[in-house]
Amino acid sequence: MSQAKIDILQRALEREKAARKSAEEILDEKSRHLYFLSEKLKKTNLKLAGLLDEKSSQLQGVFKNINDAYLVIDLSGNVLKMNDIAVDLFGYDIKKEKFNVTNLIYHKMSLCCSFGLNAWAYVCIALLGCVCVWVFCLHSF
């Protein structure tokens, strides 16, 4: 092998070593940055978990102590949760039997439609917590 060819190969090897060292430095820097972001994200998640627990506890207290009937329903009208006032008002206990608010609403549909309301208007009223208006409408027919 000629000296010129050896020199060319040595220069190529030096360039490859320099490029590899540069790439390793960049990778090391990015790894450090990712580690610090990961640690920051862990702290933020812990903080958010604490806030979520606090707010959930507050809402649970409001749900149990509110003086109005309060229902949590899904989009199909199935009652997922109800407070004691709602149990007394509607006479249903979801711990004992399933309860769907559309069963209370749909048999009144002919009268509701004459007022320009539909069943979802009643569900929305219930969702907004205006149970007194909803109950008034159900019992007034």
C-alpha atoms as a PDB file:
ATOM      1  CA  MET A   1       0.000   0.000   0.000  1.00  0.00           C
ATOM      2  CA  SER A   2       1.372   3.392  -0.893  1.00  0.00           C
ATOM      3  CA  GLN A   3       2.083   6.138   1.608  1.00  0.00           C
ATOM      4  CA  ALA A   4      -0.500   8.427  -0.041  1.00  0.00           C
ATOM      5  CA  LYS A   5      -3.207   5.822   0.407  1.00  0.00           C
ATOM      6  CA  ILE A   6      -2.200   5.283   4.038  1.00  0.00           C
ATOM      7  CA  ASP A   7      -2.345   9.046   4.668  1.00  0.00           C
ATOM      8  CA  ILE A   8      -5.828   9.242   3.118  1.00  0.00           C
ATOM      9  CA  LEU A   9      -7.073   6.363   5.278  1.00  0.00           C
ATOM     10  CA  GLN A  10      -5.553   7.909   8.444  1.00  0.00           C
ATOM     11  CA  ARG A  11      -7.233  11.256   7.740  1.00  0.00           C
ATOM     12  CA  ALA A  12     -10.562   9.468   7.138  1.00  0.00           C
ATOM     13  CA  LEU A  13     -10.131   7.570  10.412  1.00  0.00           C
ATOM     14  CA  GLU A  14      -9.413  10.834  12.282  1.00  0.00           C
ATOM     15  CA  ARG A  15     -12.530  12.450  10.776  1.00  0.00           C
ATOM     16  CA  GLU A  16     -14.649   9.459  11.778  1.00  0.00           C
ATOM     17  CA  LYS A  17     -13.238   9.563  15.337  1.00  0.00           C
ATOM     18  CA  ALA A  18     -13.965  13.298  15.579  1.00  0.00           C
ATOM     19  CA  ALA A  19     -17.487  12.833  14.221  1.00  0.00           C
ATOM     20  CA  ARG A  20     -18.111   9.956  16.656  1.00  0.00           C
ATOM     21  CA  LYS A  21     -16.835  12.018  19.597  1.00  0.00           C
ATOM     22  CA  SER A  22     -19.065  14.948  18.566  1.00  0.00           C
ATOM     23  CA  ALA A  23     -22.086  12.656  18.237  1.00  0.00           C
ATOM     24  CA  GLU A  24     -21.410  11.132  21.672  1.00  0.00           C
ATOM     25  CA  GLU A  25     -21.186  14.616  23.215  1.00  0.00           C
ATOM     26  CA  ILE A  26     -24.489  15.615  21.618  1.00  0.00           C
ATOM     27  CA  LEU A  27     -26.092  12.371  22.776  1.00  0.00           C
ATOM     28  CA  ASP A  28     -24.760  12.877  26.304  1.00  0.00           C
ATOM     29  CA  GLU A  29     -26.113  16.443  26.384  1.00  0.00           C
ATOM     30  CA  LYS A  30     -29.525  15.335  25.122  1.00  0.00           C
ATOM     31  CA  SER A  31     -29.602  12.465  27.649  1.00  0.00           C
ATOM     32  CA  ARG A  32     -28.878  14.884  30.509  1.00  0.00           C
ATOM     33  CA  HIS A  33     -31.561  17.261  29.266  1.00  0.00           C
ATOM     34  CA  LEU A  34     -34.068  14.405  28.983  1.00  0.00           C
ATOM     35  CA  TYR A  35     -33.201  13.203  32.499  1.00  0.00           C
ATOM     36  CA  PHE A  36     -33.807  16.672  33.983  1.00  0.00           C
ATOM     37  CA  LEU A  37     -37.091  17.003  32.095  1.00  0.00           C
ATOM     38  CA  SER A  38     -38.123  13.570  33.332  1.00  0.00           C
ATOM     39  CA  GLU A  39     -37.382  14.552  36.933  1.00  0.00           C
ATOM     40  CA  LYS A  40     -39.307  17.790  36.513  1.00  0.00           C
ATOM     41  CA  LEU A  41     -42.237  15.858  35.026  1.00  0.00           C
ATOM     42  CA  LYS A  42     -42.228  13.440  37.976  1.00  0.00           C
ATOM     43  CA  LYS A  43     -42.379  16.354  40.437  1.00  0.00           C
ATOM     44  CA  THR A  44     -45.171  17.985  38.446  1.00  0.00           C
ATOM     45  CA  ASN A  45     -47.122  14.718  38.325  1.00  0.00           C
ATOM     46  CA  LEU A  46     -46.799  14.303  42.092  1.00  0.00           C
ATOM     47  CA  LYS A  47     -48.002  17.864  42.598  1.00  0.00           C
ATOM     48  CA  LEU A  48     -50.947  17.329  40.242  1.00  0.00           C
ATOM     49  CA  ALA A  49     -51.843  14.046  41.937  1.00  0.00           C
ATOM     50  CA  GLY A  50     -51.930  15.873  45.275  1.00  0.00           C
ATOM     51  CA  LEU A  51     -54.129  18.624  43.856  1.00  0.00           C
ATOM     52  CA  LEU A  52     -56.425  16.061  42.259  1.00  0.00           C
ATOM     53  CA  ASP A  53     -56.801  14.222  45.565  1.00  0.00           C
ATOM     54  CA  GLU A  54     -57.520  17.502  47.342  1.00  0.00           C
ATOM     55  CA  LYS A  55     -60.128  18.617  44.811  1.00  0.00           C
ATOM     56  CA  SER A  56     -61.701  15.155  44.682  1.00  0.00           C
ATOM     57  CA  SER A  57     -62.014  15.196  48.453  1.00  0.00           C
ATOM     58  CA  GLN A  58     -63.590  18.654  48.352  1.00  0.00           C
ATOM     59  CA  LEU A  59     -66.053  17.623  45.641  1.00  0.00           C
ATOM     60  CA  GLN A  60     -66.900  14.433  47.527  1.00  0.00           C
ATOM     61  CA  GLY A  61     -67.683  16.559  50.586  1.00  0.00           C
ATOM     62  CA  VAL A  62     -69.867  18.888  48.523  1.00  0.00           C
ATOM     63  CA  PHE A  63     -71.592  15.911  46.902  1.00  0.00           C
ATOM     64  CA  LYS A  64     -72.451  14.372  50.272  1.00  0.00           C
ATOM     65  CA  ASN A  65     -73.359  17.607  52.088  1.00  0.00           C
ATOM     66  CA  ILE A  66     -75.274  19.504  49.406  1.00  0.00           C
ATOM     67  CA  ASN A  67     -78.920  20.121  50.303  1.00  0.00           C
ATOM     68  CA  ASP A  68     -80.140  19.500  46.751  1.00  0.00           C
ATOM     69  CA  ALA A  69     -80.622  16.253  44.896  1.00  0.00           C
ATOM     70  CA  TYR A  70     -77.551  15.616  42.815  1.00  0.00           C
ATOM     71  CA  LEU A  71     -77.171  12.960  40.127  1.00  0.00           C
ATOM     72  CA  VAL A  72     -74.188  11.941  38.054  1.00  0.00           C
ATOM     73  CA  ILE A  73     -75.385  10.310  34.841  1.00  0.00           C
ATOM     74  CA  ASP A  74     -73.822   9.032  31.643  1.00  0.00           C
ATOM     75  CA  LEU A  75     -74.960  10.065  28.159  1.00  0.00           C
ATOM     76  CA  SER A  76     -77.514   7.253  28.080  1.00  0.00           C
ATOM     77  CA  GLY A  77     -79.198   8.525  31.248  1.00  0.00           C
ATOM     78  CA  ASN A  78     -77.879   5.789  33.541  1.00  0.00           C
ATOM     79  CA  VAL A  79     -77.340   7.136  37.037  1.00  0.00           C
ATOM     80  CA  LEU A  80     -73.755   6.523  38.070  1.00  0.00           C
ATOM     81  CA  LYS A  81     -73.932   8.266  41.410  1.00  0.00           C
ATOM     82  CA  MET A  82     -76.541  10.035  43.496  1.00  0.00           C
ATOM     83  CA  ASN A  83     -76.509  11.661  46.900  1.00  0.00           C
ATOM     84  CA  ASP A  84     -78.829  10.784  49.790  1.00  0.00           C
ATOM     85  CA  ILE A  85     -81.204  13.677  49.016  1.00  0.00           C
ATOM     86  CA  ALA A  86     -81.647  12.316  45.466  1.00  0.00           C
ATOM     87  CA  VAL A  87     -82.286   8.827  46.853  1.00  0.00           C
ATOM     88  CA  ASP A  88     -85.037  10.247  49.084  1.00  0.00           C
ATOM     89  CA  LEU A  89     -86.463  12.432  46.307  1.00  0.00           C
ATOM     90  CA  PHE A  90     -86.599   9.841  43.527  1.00  0.00           C
ATOM     91  CA  GLY A  91     -87.155   6.786  45.697  1.00  0.00           C
ATOM     92  CA  TYR A  92     -84.408   4.848  43.931  1.00  0.00           C
ATOM     93  CA  ASP A  93     -81.163   3.625  45.419  1.00  0.00           C
ATOM     94  CA  ILE A  94     -78.575   2.706  42.784  1.00  0.00           C
ATOM     95  CA  LYS A  95     -76.830   0.512  45.341  1.00  0.00           C
ATOM     96  CA  LYS A  96     -79.902  -1.731  45.275  1.00  0.00           C
ATOM     97  CA  GLU A  97     -81.167  -1.294  41.724  1.00  0.00           C
ATOM     98  CA  LYS A  98     -80.100   0.410  38.509  1.00  0.00           C
ATOM     99  CA  PHE A  99     -81.785   3.682  37.710  1.00  0.00           C
ATOM    100  CA  ASN A 100     -82.085   5.489  34.377  1.00  0.00           C
ATOM    101  CA  VAL A 101     -83.472   9.027  34.306  1.00  0.00           C
ATOM    102  CA  THR A 102     -84.868   8.552  30.818  1.00  0.00           C
ATOM    103  CA  ASN A 103     -87.420   6.165  32.349  1.00  0.00           C
ATOM    104  CA  LEU A 104     -88.822   9.172  34.205  1.00  0.00           C
ATOM    105  CA  ILE A 105     -88.636  11.435  31.183  1.00  0.00           C
ATOM    106  CA  TYR A 106     -89.778   9.542  28.102  1.00  0.00           C
ATOM    107  CA  HIS A 107     -93.292   8.737  29.267  1.00  0.00           C
ATOM    108  CA  LYS A 108     -93.841  12.495  29.588  1.00  0.00           C
ATOM    109  CA  MET A 109     -92.547  13.197  26.075  1.00  0.00           C
ATOM    110  CA  SER A 110     -95.900  14.023  24.481  1.00  0.00           C
ATOM    111  CA  LEU A 111     -96.492  16.767  27.037  1.00  0.00           C
ATOM    112  CA  CYS A 112     -92.861  17.915  26.909  1.00  0.00           C
ATOM    113  CA  CYS A 113     -92.989  18.296  23.148  1.00  0.00           C
ATOM    114  CA  SER A 114     -96.026  20.576  23.418  1.00  0.00           C
ATOM    115  CA  PHE A 115     -93.783  22.931  25.440  1.00  0.00           C
ATOM    116  CA  GLY A 116     -91.017  22.642  22.855  1.00  0.00           C
ATOM    117  CA  LEU A 117     -88.792  20.624  25.193  1.00  0.00           C
ATOM    118  CA  ASN A 118     -87.277  17.225  24.677  1.00  0.00           C
ATOM    119  CA  ALA A 119     -85.920  14.620  27.048  1.00  0.00           C
ATOM    120  CA  TRP A 120     -82.377  15.929  26.746  1.00  0.00           C
ATOM    121  CA  ALA A 121     -83.538  19.312  27.994  1.00  0.00           C
ATOM    122  CA  TYR A 122     -84.587  17.596  31.206  1.00  0.00           C
ATOM    123  CA  VAL A 123     -81.342  15.660  31.379  1.00  0.00           C
ATOM    124  CA  CYS A 124     -79.408  18.892  30.876  1.00  0.00           C
ATOM    125  CA  ILE A 125     -81.446  20.555  33.593  1.00  0.00           C
ATOM    126  CA  ALA A 126     -80.588  17.676  35.906  1.00  0.00           C
ATOM    127  CA  LEU A 127     -76.936  17.909  34.943  1.00  0.00           C
ATOM    128  CA  LEU A 128     -76.894  21.619  35.734  1.00  0.00           C
ATOM    129  CA  GLY A 129     -78.158  20.861  39.206  1.00  0.00           C
ATOM    130  CA  CYS A 130     -81.524  22.538  38.758  1.00  0.00           C
ATOM    131  CA  VAL A 131     -83.328  19.502  40.076  1.00  0.00           C
ATOM    132  CA  CYS A 132     -86.105  21.607  41.559  1.00  0.00           C
ATOM    133  CA  VAL A 133     -87.045  22.836  38.046  1.00  0.00           C
ATOM    134  CA  TRP A 134     -86.790  19.330  36.669  1.00  0.00           C
ATOM    135  CA  VAL A 135     -88.913  17.828  39.430  1.00  0.00           C
ATOM    136  CA  PHE A 136     -91.456  20.628  39.017  1.00  0.00           C
ATOM    137  CA  CYS A 137     -91.735  19.818  35.323  1.00  0.00           C
ATOM    138  CA  LEU A 138     -92.113  16.083  35.975  1.00  0.00           C
ATOM    139  CA  HIS A 139     -94.725  16.481  38.688  1.00  0.00           C
ATOM    140  CA  SER A 140     -96.666  19.237  37.005  1.00  0.00           C
ATOM    141  CA  PHE A 141     -97.790  17.009  34.112  1.00  0.00           C
END
